[in-house]
Protein backbone atom coordinates (compact mmCIF):
# COMPACT_ATOMS: atom_id res chain seq x y z
CA MET A 1 6.90 52.93 53.02
CA ALA A 2 6.07 54.41 49.42
CA SER A 3 9.90 52.90 48.98
CA GLN A 4 9.28 49.40 50.37
CA SER A 5 6.17 49.04 48.41
CA LEU A 6 7.70 50.14 44.87
CA CYS A 7 10.58 47.68 45.76
CA TYR A 8 8.01 44.86 46.47
CA THR A 9 6.17 45.35 43.19
CA CYS A 10 9.52 45.26 41.67
CA GLN A 11 10.44 42.10 42.96
CA MET A 12 7.07 40.81 41.70
CA MET A 13 7.25 41.77 38.58
CA LEU A 14 10.92 40.49 38.24
CA ILE A 15 9.70 36.84 39.68
CA VAL A 16 6.65 37.00 36.79
CA PHE A 17 9.12 37.67 33.99
CA VAL A 18 11.37 34.81 35.11
CA LEU A 19 8.49 32.33 35.33
CA LEU A 20 7.01 33.83 31.45
CA ALA A 21 10.50 33.16 30.61
CA ALA A 22 11.13 29.77 31.92
CA ASP A 23 7.82 28.71 30.59
CA THR A 24 8.57 30.05 26.89
CA GLY A 25 12.03 28.40 27.37
CA SER A 26 10.40 24.66 28.29
CA SER A 27 7.99 24.38 25.46
CA ALA A 28 9.03 22.40 22.39
CA SER A 29 9.47 24.73 19.18
CA VAL A 30 8.03 22.50 15.86
CA VAL A 31 10.59 22.15 13.11
CA GLU A 32 9.31 21.97 9.35
CA ILE A 33 10.27 19.70 7.26
CA HIS A 34 9.26 19.43 3.47
CA LYS A 35 10.02 16.04 2.11
CA GLU A 36 8.70 14.63 -1.59
CA VAL A 37 7.18 10.64 -1.81
CA GLY A 38 10.28 8.54 -1.92
CA GLY A 39 12.59 10.89 -0.18
CA THR A 40 14.19 10.75 3.00
CA ALA A 41 14.01 12.68 6.09
CA THR A 42 16.47 13.24 8.90
CA PHE A 43 15.37 14.18 12.40
CA THR A 44 18.32 15.93 15.01
CA CYS A 45 17.80 15.29 18.60
CA PRO A 46 18.58 17.82 21.15
CA SER A 47 22.03 17.90 22.20
CA ASP A 48 23.60 19.61 25.31
CA GLY A 49 26.84 18.18 25.27
CA ARG A 50 26.91 17.16 28.68
CA GLY A 51 27.60 13.43 28.42
CA ASP A 52 26.58 10.30 26.84
CA PRO A 53 22.79 9.84 26.71
CA GLU A 54 20.95 6.83 28.16
CA PHE A 55 18.32 7.17 25.86
CA VAL A 56 17.18 8.97 22.24
CA TYR A 57 13.87 8.14 21.18
CA LEU A 58 11.93 9.48 18.03
CA GLN A 59 8.32 8.79 18.45
CA LYS A 60 4.90 9.99 15.84
CA GLU A 61 1.78 11.32 17.06
CA VAL A 62 -1.11 9.60 16.62
CA GLY A 63 -4.39 11.03 17.24
CA LYS A 64 -4.23 12.80 20.46
CA PRO A 65 -0.61 14.28 20.94
CA SER A 66 -0.62 11.93 23.97
CA ASP A 67 -0.84 8.87 21.79
CA MET A 68 2.86 7.74 20.54
CA ILE A 69 4.04 4.99 18.53
CA PHE A 70 7.77 4.26 18.56
CA VAL A 71 9.57 4.89 15.20
CA ASN A 72 13.42 4.24 16.37
CA GLY A 73 16.14 5.33 18.50
CA PHE A 74 18.56 3.18 21.59
CA HIS A 75 18.47 3.10 25.16
CA ALA A 76 22.34 2.03 26.83
CA GLN A 77 20.60 -0.40 28.90
CA LYS A 78 18.12 -2.27 27.16
CA PRO A 79 17.33 -3.48 23.87
CA VAL A 80 14.23 -1.23 21.83
CA GLU A 81 11.99 -2.93 19.11
CA MET A 82 10.70 -0.90 16.53
CA PRO A 83 7.56 -1.49 14.41
CA ALA A 84 7.63 -3.59 10.94
CA ILE A 85 6.37 -0.14 9.18
CA TYR A 86 10.02 1.20 10.15
CA LYS A 87 12.21 -1.99 10.05
CA ASN A 88 14.30 -1.91 6.94
CA ARG A 89 13.87 2.05 5.88
CA SER A 90 15.06 3.79 9.70
CA HIS A 91 18.48 3.74 11.15
CA VAL A 92 19.59 6.13 14.54
CA ASP A 93 23.32 7.03 14.77
CA SER A 94 24.26 7.54 18.46
CA ASN A 95 26.88 9.59 17.89
CA SER A 96 25.02 12.03 16.20
CA ARG A 97 21.90 11.59 18.08
CA GLN A 98 20.10 11.85 14.12
CA VAL A 99 17.21 9.59 13.29
CA ILE A 100 17.07 8.65 9.48
CA LEU A 101 13.75 7.68 7.84
CA TRP A 102 13.85 7.09 3.93
CA ASP A 103 11.34 5.69 1.18
CA LEU A 104 8.75 8.14 2.62
CA SER A 105 5.00 7.87 1.98
CA PRO A 106 2.20 9.86 2.66
CA ALA A 107 1.47 7.47 5.43
CA ASP A 108 4.43 9.22 7.14
CA GLU A 109 3.49 12.57 7.18
CA GLY A 110 2.41 13.90 10.62
CA LEU A 111 3.83 15.38 14.31
CA TYR A 112 6.99 13.53 15.41
CA ASP A 113 8.79 13.99 18.78
CA CYS A 114 12.68 13.25 19.28
CA VAL A 115 13.30 12.82 23.06
CA VAL A 116 16.87 12.49 24.61
CA ARG A 117 17.65 11.87 28.09
CA ILE A 118 21.24 12.67 29.68
CA ASP A 119 21.93 12.07 33.74
CA SER A 120 18.03 12.09 34.45
CA HIS A 121 17.86 15.39 32.20
CA THR A 122 14.98 15.01 29.70
CA SER A 123 15.03 16.99 26.44
CA GLU A 124 13.18 17.12 23.39
CA ILE A 125 12.43 18.37 20.14
CA LYS A 126 9.31 18.29 17.53
CA TYR A 127 8.95 17.94 13.86
CA ASN A 128 6.12 18.27 11.41
CA LEU A 129 6.83 16.61 8.53
CA THR A 130 4.91 17.59 5.09
CA ILE A 131 5.19 15.24 2.44
CA THR A 132 3.95 15.67 -1.26
CA ALA A 133 4.13 14.34 -4.80
CA ASN A 134 3.48 16.03 -8.22
CA TYR A 135 1.06 14.96 -10.02
CA SER A 136 1.69 13.82 -13.53
CA GLN A 137 1.07 15.94 -16.70
CA PRO A 138 -2.40 16.25 -17.54
CA GLN A 139 -3.62 13.97 -20.45
CA LEU A 140 -6.88 15.30 -22.48
CA MET A 141 -8.73 13.41 -24.49
CA GLU A 142 -11.85 14.21 -26.73
CA ILE A 143 -14.83 12.16 -28.00
CA HIS A 144 -17.64 13.42 -30.82
CA ASN A 145 -20.96 12.60 -31.39
CA GLY A 146 -22.44 14.43 -33.52
CA SER A 147 -22.30 18.11 -32.31
CA THR A 148 -21.50 16.79 -28.71
CA CYS A 149 -18.05 16.61 -27.49
CA ASN A 150 -16.88 15.02 -23.98
CA VAL A 151 -13.55 16.31 -23.58
CA THR A 152 -11.76 14.21 -20.60
CA CYS A 153 -8.77 15.39 -18.67
CA SER A 154 -6.70 12.82 -16.25
CA SER A 155 -3.60 13.17 -14.19
CA ASN A 156 -2.23 10.33 -11.65
CA GLY A 157 0.45 9.52 -8.69
CA GLY A 158 -0.37 13.12 -6.78
CA TYR A 159 -0.49 13.93 -2.80
CA PRO A 160 -1.96 15.78 -1.09
CA GLN A 161 -5.72 15.81 -2.65
CA SER A 162 -5.60 18.11 -5.37
CA GLU A 163 -8.87 19.95 -7.30
CA MET A 164 -8.49 20.05 -11.36
CA GLU A 165 -9.46 22.91 -13.18
CA MET A 166 -11.01 22.83 -16.57
CA VAL A 167 -11.22 26.41 -18.94
CA LEU A 168 -13.06 26.92 -22.13
CA VAL A 169 -11.44 29.71 -23.99
CA PRO A 170 -14.13 30.82 -25.74
CA ASN A 171 -16.58 30.29 -22.92
CA VAL A 172 -19.20 27.18 -23.71
CA PRO A 173 -22.82 27.87 -21.89
CA GLY A 174 -24.50 24.94 -20.92
CA ALA A 175 -20.99 23.00 -20.38
CA THR A 176 -21.02 20.13 -17.94
CA VAL A 177 -18.51 18.93 -16.21
CA THR A 178 -18.12 15.78 -14.30
CA LYS A 179 -15.20 15.09 -11.93
CA GLN A 180 -13.73 11.94 -10.18
CA ILE A 181 -10.78 11.66 -7.64
CA MET A 182 -9.58 8.21 -6.16
CA GLU A 183 -6.99 7.42 -3.79
CA ASP A 184 -4.74 4.34 -4.28
CA PRO A 185 -5.32 2.49 -0.89
CA VAL A 186 -1.70 1.30 -0.89
CA THR A 187 0.33 4.07 -1.72
CA GLY A 188 -2.08 6.83 -0.50
CA LEU A 189 -1.75 9.00 -4.11
CA PHE A 190 -4.23 10.52 -5.66
CA SER A 191 -5.79 10.00 -9.17
CA VAL A 192 -8.04 12.84 -10.88
CA SER A 193 -10.19 13.20 -13.61
CA SER A 194 -12.64 15.41 -15.00
CA THR A 195 -15.24 15.40 -18.45
CA ILE A 196 -16.47 18.30 -19.66
CA THR A 197 -19.71 17.45 -21.90
CA LEU A 198 -20.42 20.23 -24.37
CA ASN A 199 -21.69 21.45 -27.57
CA VAL A 200 -19.06 22.88 -30.21
CA SER A 201 -20.45 24.82 -32.63
CA GLN A 202 -17.05 26.78 -33.36
CA PRO A 203 -13.19 25.73 -32.52
CA LEU A 204 -12.20 26.14 -29.04
CA SER A 205 -9.60 25.61 -26.64
CA VAL A 206 -9.48 23.67 -23.58
CA THR A 207 -7.06 24.23 -20.65
CA CYS A 208 -6.77 21.19 -18.09
CA ILE A 209 -4.94 22.62 -14.73
CA VAL A 210 -3.80 20.66 -12.23
CA GLY A 211 -1.19 22.34 -9.48
CA ASN A 212 1.27 23.95 -11.78
CA LEU A 213 0.32 21.61 -14.59
CA SER A 214 -1.57 22.13 -17.37
CA SER A 215 -2.28 21.05 -20.81
CA VAL A 216 -4.19 22.44 -23.95
CA LEU A 217 -6.30 20.69 -26.33
CA ASN A 218 -7.66 22.17 -29.58
CA VAL A 219 -11.13 21.27 -30.16
CA HIS A 220 -12.99 21.78 -33.55
CA GLN A 221 -16.30 20.84 -35.26
CA ILE A 222 -16.48 17.09 -36.50
CA ILE A 223 -19.18 16.65 -39.51
CA ASP A 224 -19.79 13.12 -39.08
CA PRO A 225 -19.62 11.51 -42.47
CA PRO A 226 -22.76 9.97 -44.01
CA GLN A 227 -24.00 6.48 -42.82
CA PRO A 228 -25.03 3.73 -45.29
CA ASP A 229 -28.20 3.84 -45.29
CA SER A 230 -28.29 7.58 -45.37
CA ILE A 231 -26.21 7.00 -48.55
CA ILE A 232 -28.70 4.16 -49.92
CA ILE A 233 -31.74 6.90 -49.18
CA ILE A 234 -29.66 9.34 -51.12
CA VAL A 235 -28.94 7.15 -54.06
CA ALA A 236 -32.89 6.06 -54.33
CA CYS A 237 -34.06 10.03 -54.58
CA VAL A 238 -31.62 10.82 -57.17
CA LEU A 239 -32.52 7.43 -59.44
CA VAL A 240 -36.36 8.26 -58.77
CA SER A 241 -36.00 12.05 -59.69
CA VAL A 242 -33.81 10.38 -62.68
CA LEU A 243 -36.67 8.25 -63.99
CA PHE A 244 -39.49 10.85 -63.28
CA ILE A 245 -37.54 13.26 -65.66
CA VAL A 246 -36.75 10.54 -68.28
CA ALA A 247 -40.66 9.69 -68.18
CA LEU A 248 -41.73 13.00 -68.24
CA ALA A 249 -39.33 13.32 -71.43
CA VAL A 250 -41.17 10.97 -73.01
CA VAL A 251 -44.21 11.42 -72.81
CA LEU A 252 -44.02 14.87 -73.89
CA GLN A 253 -42.08 13.81 -76.79
CA ARG A 254 -45.27 11.40 -77.90
CA ARG A 255 -47.44 14.37 -77.37
CA ARG A 256 -45.40 16.27 -79.69
CA CYS A 257 -45.30 13.43 -82.31
CA SER A 258 -48.97 12.92 -81.83
CA ARG A 259 -49.52 16.56 -82.38
CA ASN A 260 -47.53 16.58 -85.81
CA GLY A 261 -49.33 13.82 -87.20
CA SER A 262 -52.93 15.00 -86.60
CA LEU A 263 -51.84 18.17 -88.49
CA ASP A 264 -50.57 15.98 -91.39
CA VAL A 265 -53.47 14.12 -91.79
CA ILE A 266 -55.30 17.58 -91.77
CA TYR A 267 -53.08 19.28 -94.45
CA SER A 268 -53.72 16.34 -96.68
CA ALA A 269 -57.49 16.23 -96.25
CA ALA A 270 -57.35 20.22 -97.23
CA GLN A 271 -54.77 19.55 -100.23
CA ARG A 272 -57.55 16.96 -101.65
CA LYS A 273 -60.30 19.07 -101.48
């Protein structure tokens, strides 16, 4: 009885193992594809070499996994119609069972299913397409207003959305940063910009970083030249000062002359006596 029970247990364990192995084999693995905007992606559908396929379909998941849109493919017994967004930029090769999609954009990013049916047997493979685009080299611009300076950094044409970082050396307490992110409604690419407002009391450097790109701007204190009104006031003050000095000199000279005249009269009178 013990041997029969052990044998039964082993049989049950073997059945469970087979079922688990079958379940693991039936689940579709996800193949990662990384491409840049404007590039080309190749989706190779599964092939077991058993014969000619009845159909080969490449579909993209939209929203729920059960929601699919047809990209490209073929059916041996009927024509297939692809959406307008994939016409003139996709191709299916019935021999290699490959679907090629080019002129990629951020809208193409997502999960794809490539399904093949041969002799009533259907197999599939899943792809996850990731799209990237490099941001442009960050551009820095400074605008001074007295001791206050606005430094703006901008970068365009990137995907996915990326944060922009601005680093000050040395650090300036009280500096404020304003950020802006815009997405092009046609291309889906992003433009990012940041403006930092600070008081410049000493030379400093501003480093702008976007992804793996960076740019550096050296900022110096700029003393604004006197305005025309200030120059007029300064000249007027100088002229008034000069006139005051001249007038004071004249008054002192007259007093000196008057005093000398009085002394001469007193001296003459003394001689007559």
